[in-house]
PDB file of N, CA and C in Angstrom:
ATOM      1  N   MET A   1      13.881  28.267 -11.073  1.00  0.00           N
ATOM      2  CA  MET A   1      12.684  27.580 -10.599  1.00  0.00           C
ATOM      3  C   MET A   1      11.832  27.116 -11.878  1.00  0.00           C
ATOM      4  N   VAL A   2      11.239  25.962 -11.752  1.00  0.00           N
ATOM      5  CA  VAL A   2      10.516  25.450 -12.839  1.00  0.00           C
ATOM      6  C   VAL A   2       9.009  25.572 -12.462  1.00  0.00           C
ATOM      7  N   ARG A   3       8.189  25.325 -13.491  1.00  0.00           N
ATOM      8  CA  ARG A   3       6.722  25.400 -13.485  1.00  0.00           C
ATOM      9  C   ARG A   3       6.300  24.074 -13.218  1.00  0.00           C
ATOM     10  N   ILE A   4       5.166  23.878 -12.454  1.00  0.00           N
ATOM     11  CA  ILE A   4       4.543  22.582 -12.179  1.00  0.00           C
ATOM     12  C   ILE A   4       3.247  22.595 -12.929  1.00  0.00           C
ATOM     13  N   GLU A   5       3.066  21.506 -13.784  1.00  0.00           N
ATOM     14  CA  GLU A   5       1.837  21.317 -14.535  1.00  0.00           C
ATOM     15  C   GLU A   5       1.241  19.975 -14.230  1.00  0.00           C
ATOM     16  N   TRP A   6      -0.013  19.895 -13.771  1.00  0.00           N
ATOM     17  CA  TRP A   6      -0.675  18.770 -13.490  1.00  0.00           C
ATOM     18  C   TRP A   6      -1.371  18.188 -14.654  1.00  0.00           C
ATOM     19  N   THR A   7      -1.205  16.870 -15.085  1.00  0.00           N
ATOM     20  CA  THR A   7      -1.889  16.299 -16.186  1.00  0.00           C
ATOM     21  C   THR A   7      -3.330  15.995 -15.794  1.00  0.00           C
ATOM     22  N   PRO A   8      -4.191  15.895 -16.764  1.00  0.00           N
ATOM     23  CA  PRO A   8      -5.564  15.514 -16.545  1.00  0.00           C
ATOM     24  C   PRO A   8      -5.654  14.163 -15.744  1.00  0.00           C
ATOM     25  N   LEU A   9      -4.754  13.206 -16.034  1.00  0.00           N
ATOM     26  CA  LEU A   9      -4.732  11.891 -15.292  1.00  0.00           C
ATOM     27  C   LEU A   9      -4.371  12.136 -13.721  1.00  0.00           C
ATOM     28  N   ALA A  10      -3.509  13.030 -13.564  1.00  0.00           N
ATOM     29  CA  ALA A  10      -3.127  13.328 -12.153  1.00  0.00           C
ATOM     30  C   ALA A  10      -4.263  14.022 -11.359  1.00  0.00           C
ATOM     31  N   TYR A  11      -4.954  14.826 -12.000  1.00  0.00           N
ATOM     32  CA  TYR A  11      -6.198  15.467 -11.480  1.00  0.00           C
ATOM     33  C   TYR A  11      -7.311  14.314 -11.215  1.00  0.00           C
ATOM     34  N   GLU A  12      -7.430  13.442 -12.099  1.00  0.00           N
ATOM     35  CA  GLU A  12      -8.409  12.403 -11.913  1.00  0.00           C
ATOM     36  C   GLU A  12      -8.006  11.466 -10.697  1.00  0.00           C
ATOM     37  N   ASP A  13      -6.693  11.339 -10.646  1.00  0.00           N
ATOM     38  CA  ASP A  13      -6.164  10.525  -9.521  1.00  0.00           C
ATOM     39  C   ASP A  13      -6.475  11.152  -8.161  1.00  0.00           C
ATOM     40  N   LEU A  14      -6.218  12.486  -8.065  1.00  0.00           N
ATOM     41  CA  LEU A  14      -6.622  13.290  -6.882  1.00  0.00           C
ATOM     42  C   LEU A  14      -8.088  13.122  -6.443  1.00  0.00           C
ATOM     43  N   GLU A  15      -8.926  13.331  -7.566  1.00  0.00           N
ATOM     44  CA  GLU A  15     -10.412  13.130  -7.357  1.00  0.00           C
ATOM     45  C   GLU A  15     -10.845  11.678  -6.914  1.00  0.00           C
ATOM     46  N   SER A  16     -10.186  10.694  -7.429  1.00  0.00           N
ATOM     47  CA  SER A  16     -10.464   9.319  -6.958  1.00  0.00           C
ATOM     48  C   SER A  16      -9.990   9.141  -5.571  1.00  0.00           C
ATOM     49  N   ILE A  17      -8.938   9.645  -5.161  1.00  0.00           N
ATOM     50  CA  ILE A  17      -8.384   9.560  -3.817  1.00  0.00           C
ATOM     51  C   ILE A  17      -9.356  10.245  -2.817  1.00  0.00           C
ATOM     52  N   TYR A  18      -9.742  11.465  -3.275  1.00  0.00           N
ATOM     53  CA  TYR A  18     -10.738  12.228  -2.450  1.00  0.00           C
ATOM     54  C   TYR A  18     -12.010  11.470  -2.272  1.00  0.00           C
ATOM     55  N   LYS A  19     -12.549  10.959  -3.364  1.00  0.00           N
ATOM     56  CA  LYS A  19     -13.802  10.172  -3.158  1.00  0.00           C
ATOM     57  C   LYS A  19     -13.662   9.012  -2.336  1.00  0.00           C
ATOM     58  N   TYR A  20     -12.594   8.315  -2.475  1.00  0.00           N
ATOM     59  CA  TYR A  20     -12.403   7.059  -1.744  1.00  0.00           C
ATOM     60  C   TYR A  20     -12.289   7.358  -0.238  1.00  0.00           C
ATOM     61  N   ILE A  21     -11.511   8.423   0.204  1.00  0.00           N
ATOM     62  CA  ILE A  21     -11.331   8.603   1.632  1.00  0.00           C
ATOM     63  C   ILE A  21     -12.587   9.299   2.141  1.00  0.00           C
ATOM     64  N   SER A  22     -13.182  10.199   1.458  1.00  0.00           N
ATOM     65  CA  SER A  22     -14.407  10.879   1.951  1.00  0.00           C
ATOM     66  C   SER A  22     -15.582   9.949   2.237  1.00  0.00           C
ATOM     67  N   LYS A  23     -15.589   8.791   1.865  1.00  0.00           N
ATOM     68  CA  LYS A  23     -16.598   7.890   2.202  1.00  0.00           C
ATOM     69  C   LYS A  23     -16.568   7.633   3.809  1.00  0.00           C
ATOM     70  N   ASP A  24     -15.406   7.743   4.312  1.00  0.00           N
ATOM     71  CA  ASP A  24     -15.247   7.716   5.721  1.00  0.00           C
ATOM     72  C   ASP A  24     -15.129   9.167   6.398  1.00  0.00           C
ATOM     73  N   SER A  25     -14.503   9.978   5.809  1.00  0.00           N
ATOM     74  CA  SER A  25     -14.215  11.277   6.394  1.00  0.00           C
ATOM     75  C   SER A  25     -14.021  12.316   5.281  1.00  0.00           C
ATOM     76  N   ILE A  26     -14.779  13.353   5.179  1.00  0.00           N
ATOM     77  CA  ILE A  26     -14.514  14.495   4.318  1.00  0.00           C
ATOM     78  C   ILE A  26     -13.305  15.303   4.695  1.00  0.00           C
ATOM     79  N   PHE A  27     -13.217  15.472   6.066  1.00  0.00           N
ATOM     80  CA  PHE A  27     -12.144  16.088   6.633  1.00  0.00           C
ATOM     81  C   PHE A  27     -10.780  15.510   6.263  1.00  0.00           C
ATOM     82  N   TYR A  28     -10.614  14.244   6.390  1.00  0.00           N
ATOM     83  CA  TYR A  28      -9.320  13.573   6.119  1.00  0.00           C
ATOM     84  C   TYR A  28      -9.074  13.428   4.672  1.00  0.00           C
ATOM     85  N   ALA A  29     -10.233  13.356   3.870  1.00  0.00           N
ATOM     86  CA  ALA A  29      -9.975  13.361   2.451  1.00  0.00           C
ATOM     87  C   ALA A  29      -9.399  14.749   1.938  1.00  0.00           C
ATOM     88  N   SER A  30      -9.869  15.735   2.403  1.00  0.00           N
ATOM     89  CA  SER A  30      -9.305  17.161   2.105  1.00  0.00           C
ATOM     90  C   SER A  30      -7.983  17.290   2.633  1.00  0.00           C
ATOM     91  N   ARG A  31      -7.719  16.835   3.829  1.00  0.00           N
ATOM     92  CA  ARG A  31      -6.330  16.863   4.394  1.00  0.00           C
ATOM     93  C   ARG A  31      -5.335  16.125   3.501  1.00  0.00           C
ATOM     94  N   GLN A  32      -5.683  14.919   3.094  1.00  0.00           N
ATOM     95  CA  GLN A  32      -4.764  14.056   2.301  1.00  0.00           C
ATOM     96  C   GLN A  32      -4.542  14.745   1.020  1.00  0.00           C
ATOM     97  N   ILE A  33      -5.514  15.377   0.242  1.00  0.00           N
ATOM     98  CA  ILE A  33      -5.284  16.005  -1.004  1.00  0.00           C
ATOM     99  C   ILE A  33      -4.434  17.238  -0.813  1.00  0.00           C
ATOM    100  N   ASP A  34      -4.559  18.033   0.339  1.00  0.00           N
ATOM    101  CA  ASP A  34      -3.821  19.107   0.555  1.00  0.00           C
ATOM    102  C   ASP A  34      -2.360  18.692   0.879  1.00  0.00           C
ATOM    103  N   THR A  35      -2.161  17.637   1.484  1.00  0.00           N
ATOM    104  CA  THR A  35      -0.773  17.152   1.772  1.00  0.00           C
ATOM    105  C   THR A  35      -0.016  16.708   0.480  1.00  0.00           C
ATOM    106  N   LEU A  36      -0.794  16.002  -0.394  1.00  0.00           N
ATOM    107  CA  LEU A  36      -0.171  15.596  -1.633  1.00  0.00           C
ATOM    108  C   LEU A  36       0.240  16.821  -2.566  1.00  0.00           C
ATOM    109  N   ILE A  37      -0.740  17.714  -2.588  1.00  0.00           N
ATOM    110  CA  ILE A  37      -0.344  18.933  -3.440  1.00  0.00           C
ATOM    111  C   ILE A  37       0.753  19.625  -2.767  1.00  0.00           C
ATOM    112  N   SER A  38       0.765  19.928  -1.412  1.00  0.00           N
ATOM    113  CA  SER A  38       1.891  20.492  -0.776  1.00  0.00           C
ATOM    114  C   SER A  38       3.239  19.814  -1.131  1.00  0.00           C
ATOM    115  N   ARG A  39       3.285  18.453  -1.145  1.00  0.00           N
ATOM    116  CA  ARG A  39       4.421  17.637  -1.322  1.00  0.00           C
ATOM    117  C   ARG A  39       5.038  17.965  -2.673  1.00  0.00           C
ATOM    118  N   VAL A  40       4.212  18.268  -3.682  1.00  0.00           N
ATOM    119  CA  VAL A  40       4.694  18.647  -5.011  1.00  0.00           C
ATOM    120  C   VAL A  40       5.470  19.891  -5.063  1.00  0.00           C
ATOM    121  N   ASP A  41       5.181  20.793  -4.108  1.00  0.00           N
ATOM    122  CA  ASP A  41       5.678  22.137  -4.175  1.00  0.00           C
ATOM    123  C   ASP A  41       7.277  22.117  -4.079  1.00  0.00           C
ATOM    124  N   ILE A  42       7.809  21.155  -3.523  1.00  0.00           N
ATOM    125  CA  ILE A  42       9.233  21.051  -3.271  1.00  0.00           C
ATOM    126  C   ILE A  42       9.898  21.005  -4.702  1.00  0.00           C
ATOM    127  N   LEU A  43       9.222  20.465  -5.643  1.00  0.00           N
ATOM    128  CA  LEU A  43       9.811  20.186  -7.018  1.00  0.00           C
ATOM    129  C   LEU A  43      10.101  21.609  -7.661  1.00  0.00           C
ATOM    130  N   GLU A  44       9.378  22.595  -7.378  1.00  0.00           N
ATOM    131  CA  GLU A  44       9.684  23.886  -7.952  1.00  0.00           C
ATOM    132  C   GLU A  44      11.128  24.381  -7.725  1.00  0.00           C
ATOM    133  N   GLU A  45      11.680  24.067  -6.604  1.00  0.00           N
ATOM    134  CA  GLU A  45      13.203  24.358  -6.286  1.00  0.00           C
ATOM    135  C   GLU A  45      14.005  23.244  -6.469  1.00  0.00           C
ATOM    136  N   TYR A  46      13.640  22.006  -6.288  1.00  0.00           N
ATOM    137  CA  TYR A  46      14.381  20.850  -6.325  1.00  0.00           C
ATOM    138  C   TYR A  46      13.750  19.740  -7.201  1.00  0.00           C
ATOM    139  N   PRO A  47      13.798  19.977  -8.588  1.00  0.00           N
ATOM    140  CA  PRO A  47      13.117  19.000  -9.363  1.00  0.00           C
ATOM    141  C   PRO A  47      13.740  17.580  -9.356  1.00  0.00           C
ATOM    142  N   LEU A  48      14.877  17.411  -8.894  1.00  0.00           N
ATOM    143  CA  LEU A  48      15.514  16.101  -8.769  1.00  0.00           C
ATOM    144  C   LEU A  48      15.375  15.504  -7.369  1.00  0.00           C
ATOM    145  N   ALA A  49      14.490  15.992  -6.637  1.00  0.00           N
ATOM    146  CA  ALA A  49      14.223  15.486  -5.309  1.00  0.00           C
ATOM    147  C   ALA A  49      13.682  14.075  -5.169  1.00  0.00           C
ATOM    148  N   GLY A  50      12.862  13.687  -6.237  1.00  0.00           N
ATOM    149  CA  GLY A  50      12.487  12.468  -6.170  1.00  0.00           C
ATOM    150  C   GLY A  50      13.398  11.322  -6.793  1.00  0.00           C
ATOM    151  N   LYS A  51      13.110  10.115  -6.477  1.00  0.00           N
ATOM    152  CA  LYS A  51      13.944   9.096  -7.040  1.00  0.00           C
ATOM    153  C   LYS A  51      13.493   8.603  -8.344  1.00  0.00           C
ATOM    154  N   ILE A  52      14.324   7.982  -9.065  1.00  0.00           N
ATOM    155  CA  ILE A  52      13.994   7.475 -10.411  1.00  0.00           C
ATOM    156  C   ILE A  52      12.973   6.362 -10.263  1.00  0.00           C
ATOM    157  N   VAL A  53      11.920   6.336 -10.960  1.00  0.00           N
ATOM    158  CA  VAL A  53      10.899   5.299 -10.970  1.00  0.00           C
ATOM    159  C   VAL A  53      11.487   3.957 -11.481  1.00  0.00           C
ATOM    160  N   PRO A  54      11.601   2.887 -10.625  1.00  0.00           N
ATOM    161  CA  PRO A  54      12.302   1.741 -11.068  1.00  0.00           C
ATOM    162  C   PRO A  54      11.568   1.049 -12.225  1.00  0.00           C
ATOM    163  N   GLU A  55      10.267   1.154 -12.332  1.00  0.00           N
ATOM    164  CA  GLU A  55       9.527   0.487 -13.446  1.00  0.00           C
ATOM    165  C   GLU A  55       9.893   1.039 -14.803  1.00  0.00           C
ATOM    166  N   PHE A  56      10.292   2.214 -14.853  1.00  0.00           N
ATOM    167  CA  PHE A  56      10.700   2.967 -16.132  1.00  0.00           C
ATOM    168  C   PHE A  56      12.191   3.090 -16.298  1.00  0.00           C
ATOM    169  N   ASN A  57      12.938   3.196 -15.201  1.00  0.00           N
ATOM    170  CA  ASN A  57      14.348   3.441 -15.289  1.00  0.00           C
ATOM    171  C   ASN A  57      14.729   4.462 -16.270  1.00  0.00           C
ATOM    172  N   ASN A  58      14.105   5.655 -16.217  1.00  0.00           N
ATOM    173  CA  ASN A  58      14.441   6.822 -16.999  1.00  0.00           C
ATOM    174  C   ASN A  58      14.624   7.937 -16.003  1.00  0.00           C
ATOM    175  N   GLU A  59      15.932   8.629 -16.125  1.00  0.00           N
ATOM    176  CA  GLU A  59      16.276   9.692 -15.289  1.00  0.00           C
ATOM    177  C   GLU A  59      15.269  10.862 -15.163  1.00  0.00           C
ATOM    178  N   PHE A  60      14.421  10.970 -16.164  1.00  0.00           N
ATOM    179  CA  PHE A  60      13.482  12.129 -16.188  1.00  0.00           C
ATOM    180  C   PHE A  60      12.139  11.767 -15.666  1.00  0.00           C
ATOM    181  N   ILE A  61      11.973  10.483 -15.367  1.00  0.00           N
ATOM    182  CA  ILE A  61      10.607  10.107 -14.763  1.00  0.00           C
ATOM    183  C   ILE A  61      10.979   9.663 -13.296  1.00  0.00           C
ATOM    184  N   ARG A  62      10.405  10.453 -12.378  1.00  0.00           N
ATOM    185  CA  ARG A  62      10.721  10.266 -10.988  1.00  0.00           C
ATOM    186  C   ARG A  62       9.555  10.232 -10.110  1.00  0.00           C
ATOM    187  N   GLU A  63       9.732  10.041  -8.842  1.00  0.00           N
ATOM    188  CA  GLU A  63       8.588   9.887  -7.966  1.00  0.00           C
ATOM    189  C   GLU A  63       8.912  10.542  -6.602  1.00  0.00           C
ATOM    190  N   LEU A  64       7.932  11.068  -6.026  1.00  0.00           N
ATOM    191  CA  LEU A  64       7.994  11.374  -4.599  1.00  0.00           C
ATOM    192  C   LEU A  64       7.035  10.447  -3.800  1.00  0.00           C
ATOM    193  N   ILE A  65       7.415  10.032  -2.647  1.00  0.00           N
ATOM    194  CA  ILE A  65       6.548   9.347  -1.821  1.00  0.00           C
ATOM    195  C   ILE A  65       5.885  10.225  -0.757  1.00  0.00           C
ATOM    196  N   GLU A  66       4.670  10.085  -0.609  1.00  0.00           N
ATOM    197  CA  GLU A  66       3.929  10.825   0.431  1.00  0.00           C
ATOM    198  C   GLU A  66       2.887   9.857   1.080  1.00  0.00           C
ATOM    199  N   GLY A  67       3.334   9.294   2.225  1.00  0.00           N
ATOM    200  CA  GLY A  67       2.573   8.315   2.898  1.00  0.00           C
ATOM    201  C   GLY A  67       2.567   7.158   2.075  1.00  0.00           C
ATOM    202  N   SER A  68       1.331   6.614   1.667  1.00  0.00           N
ATOM    203  CA  SER A  68       1.193   5.440   0.878  1.00  0.00           C
ATOM    204  C   SER A  68       0.947   5.766  -0.528  1.00  0.00           C
ATOM    205  N   TYR A  69       1.197   6.991  -0.973  1.00  0.00           N
ATOM    206  CA  TYR A  69       1.095   7.424  -2.375  1.00  0.00           C
ATOM    207  C   TYR A  69       2.408   7.708  -3.060  1.00  0.00           C
ATOM    208  N   ARG A  70       2.427   7.351  -4.203  1.00  0.00           N
ATOM    209  CA  ARG A  70       3.544   7.621  -5.131  1.00  0.00           C
ATOM    210  C   ARG A  70       3.031   8.803  -6.130  1.00  0.00           C
ATOM    211  N   ILE A  71       3.853   9.909  -6.211  1.00  0.00           N
ATOM    212  CA  ILE A  71       3.618  11.056  -6.955  1.00  0.00           C
ATOM    213  C   ILE A  71       4.639  10.826  -8.176  1.00  0.00           C
ATOM    214  N   ILE A  72       4.106  10.401  -9.229  1.00  0.00           N
ATOM    215  CA  ILE A  72       5.032  10.244 -10.440  1.00  0.00           C
ATOM    216  C   ILE A  72       5.015  11.504 -11.253  1.00  0.00           C
ATOM    217  N   TYR A  73       6.260  11.925 -11.649  1.00  0.00           N
ATOM    218  CA  TYR A  73       6.491  13.100 -12.471  1.00  0.00           C
ATOM    219  C   TYR A  73       7.499  13.003 -13.439  1.00  0.00           C
ATOM    220  N   LYS A  74       7.340  13.857 -14.453  1.00  0.00           N
ATOM    221  CA  LYS A  74       8.347  13.935 -15.568  1.00  0.00           C
ATOM    222  C   LYS A  74       8.943  15.187 -15.589  1.00  0.00           C
ATOM    223  N   ILE A  75      10.285  15.254 -15.716  1.00  0.00           N
ATOM    224  CA  ILE A  75      11.080  16.555 -15.847  1.00  0.00           C
ATOM    225  C   ILE A  75      11.204  16.948 -17.278  1.00  0.00           C
ATOM    226  N   GLY A  76      10.659  18.102 -17.540  1.00  0.00           N
ATOM    227  CA  GLY A  76      10.843  18.726 -18.845  1.00  0.00           C
ATOM    228  C   GLY A  76      11.878  19.850 -18.691  1.00  0.00           C
ATOM    229  N   LYS A  77      12.058  20.611 -19.749  1.00  0.00           N
ATOM    230  CA  LYS A  77      13.085  21.663 -19.759  1.00  0.00           C
ATOM    231  C   LYS A  77      12.771  22.695 -18.695  1.00  0.00           C
ATOM    232  N   ASP A  78      11.608  23.290 -18.742  1.00  0.00           N
ATOM    233  CA  ASP A  78      11.335  24.327 -17.732  1.00  0.00           C
ATOM    234  C   ASP A  78       9.953  23.928 -16.987  1.00  0.00           C
ATOM    235  N   THR A  79       9.553  22.726 -17.042  1.00  0.00           N
ATOM    236  CA  THR A  79       8.239  22.313 -16.571  1.00  0.00           C
ATOM    237  C   THR A  79       8.394  20.986 -15.887  1.00  0.00           C
ATOM    238  N   ILE A  80       7.792  20.765 -14.750  1.00  0.00           N
ATOM    239  CA  ILE A  80       7.684  19.398 -14.144  1.00  0.00           C
ATOM    240  C   ILE A  80       6.102  19.096 -14.421  1.00  0.00           C
ATOM    241  N   PHE A  81       5.910  17.833 -14.972  1.00  0.00           N
ATOM    242  CA  PHE A  81       4.663  17.434 -15.243  1.00  0.00           C
ATOM    243  C   PHE A  81       4.325  16.259 -14.273  1.00  0.00           C
ATOM    244  N   ILE A  82       3.336  16.562 -13.459  1.00  0.00           N
ATOM    245  CA  ILE A  82       2.718  15.579 -12.510  1.00  0.00           C
ATOM    246  C   ILE A  82       1.916  14.666 -13.330  1.00  0.00           C
ATOM    247  N   ILE A  83       2.340  13.339 -13.364  1.00  0.00           N
ATOM    248  CA  ILE A  83       1.667  12.442 -14.351  1.00  0.00           C
ATOM    249  C   ILE A  83       0.617  11.600 -13.638  1.00  0.00           C
ATOM    250  N   ARG A  84       0.990  11.084 -12.487  1.00  0.00           N
ATOM    251  CA  ARG A  84      -0.025  10.189 -11.862  1.00  0.00           C
ATOM    252  C   ARG A  84       0.248  10.311 -10.319  1.00  0.00           C
ATOM    253  N   ILE A  85      -0.755   9.952  -9.612  1.00  0.00           N
ATOM    254  CA  ILE A  85      -0.689   9.809  -8.167  1.00  0.00           C
ATOM    255  C   ILE A  85      -1.474   8.572  -7.768  1.00  0.00           C
ATOM    256  N   HIS A  86      -0.854   7.546  -7.176  1.00  0.00           N
ATOM    257  CA  HIS A  86      -1.560   6.366  -6.847  1.00  0.00           C
ATOM    258  C   HIS A  86      -1.112   5.682  -5.629  1.00  0.00           C
ATOM    259  N   HIS A  87      -1.911   4.760  -5.080  1.00  0.00           N
ATOM    260  CA  HIS A  87      -1.509   4.144  -3.904  1.00  0.00           C
ATOM    261  C   HIS A  87      -0.399   3.184  -4.161  1.00  0.00           C
ATOM    262  N   SER A  88       0.568   3.193  -3.310  1.00  0.00           N
ATOM    263  CA  SER A  88       1.728   2.283  -3.614  1.00  0.00           C
ATOM    264  C   SER A  88       1.487   0.789  -3.597  1.00  0.00           C
ATOM    265  N   ALA A  89       0.323   0.345  -3.071  1.00  0.00           N
ATOM    266  CA  ALA A  89       0.047  -1.137  -3.043  1.00  0.00           C
ATOM    267  C   ALA A  89      -0.365  -1.558  -4.476  1.00  0.00           C
ATOM    268  N   ARG A  90      -0.706  -0.582  -5.332  1.00  0.00           N
ATOM    269  CA  ARG A  90      -1.112  -0.962  -6.639  1.00  0.00           C
ATOM    270  C   ARG A  90       0.041  -1.130  -7.559  1.00  0.00           C
ATOM    271  N   ASN A  91       0.037  -1.922  -8.614  1.00  0.00           N
ATOM    272  CA  ASN A  91       1.150  -2.106  -9.480  1.00  0.00           C
ATOM    273  C   ASN A  91       1.052  -0.909 -10.394  1.00  0.00           C
ATOM    274  N   LEU A  92       2.225  -0.334 -10.621  1.00  0.00           N
ATOM    275  CA  LEU A  92       2.257   0.887 -11.599  1.00  0.00           C
ATOM    276  C   LEU A  92       1.807   0.585 -13.007  1.00  0.00           C
ATOM    277  N   LYS A  93       2.106  -0.696 -13.447  1.00  0.00           N
ATOM    278  CA  LYS A  93       1.722  -1.122 -14.759  1.00  0.00           C
ATOM    279  C   LYS A  93       0.200  -1.165 -15.047  1.00  0.00           C
ATOM    280  N   GLU A  94      -0.528  -1.272 -13.901  1.00  0.00           N
ATOM    281  CA  GLU A  94      -1.970  -1.342 -13.920  1.00  0.00           C
ATOM    282  C   GLU A  94      -2.573   0.028 -14.132  1.00  0.00           C
ATOM    283  N   VAL A  95      -1.788   1.161 -13.820  1.00  0.00           N
ATOM    284  CA  VAL A  95      -2.328   2.447 -13.865  1.00  0.00           C
ATOM    285  C   VAL A  95      -2.485   3.046 -15.224  1.00  0.00           C
TER     286      VAL A  95
END
């Protein structure tokens, strides 16, 4: 089993997602954040669960899809680094 580490940018992404959704509903904002965090839990047992991010074409930089969000992560020796979480409609190069 590997350890999951969230980068500061990934935390900022979660905060931005929460702020945006909470303008309409605090309940659904909290629910979305919980769903994104729960989705990452699979990586503890299955670090290769995500597909390779096409923009980087690097076998160690992968993504999980959760609804409209891409959870970008990097596979380290004993750690999975959650790099970014952003809406799939956005260009990854803009992030």
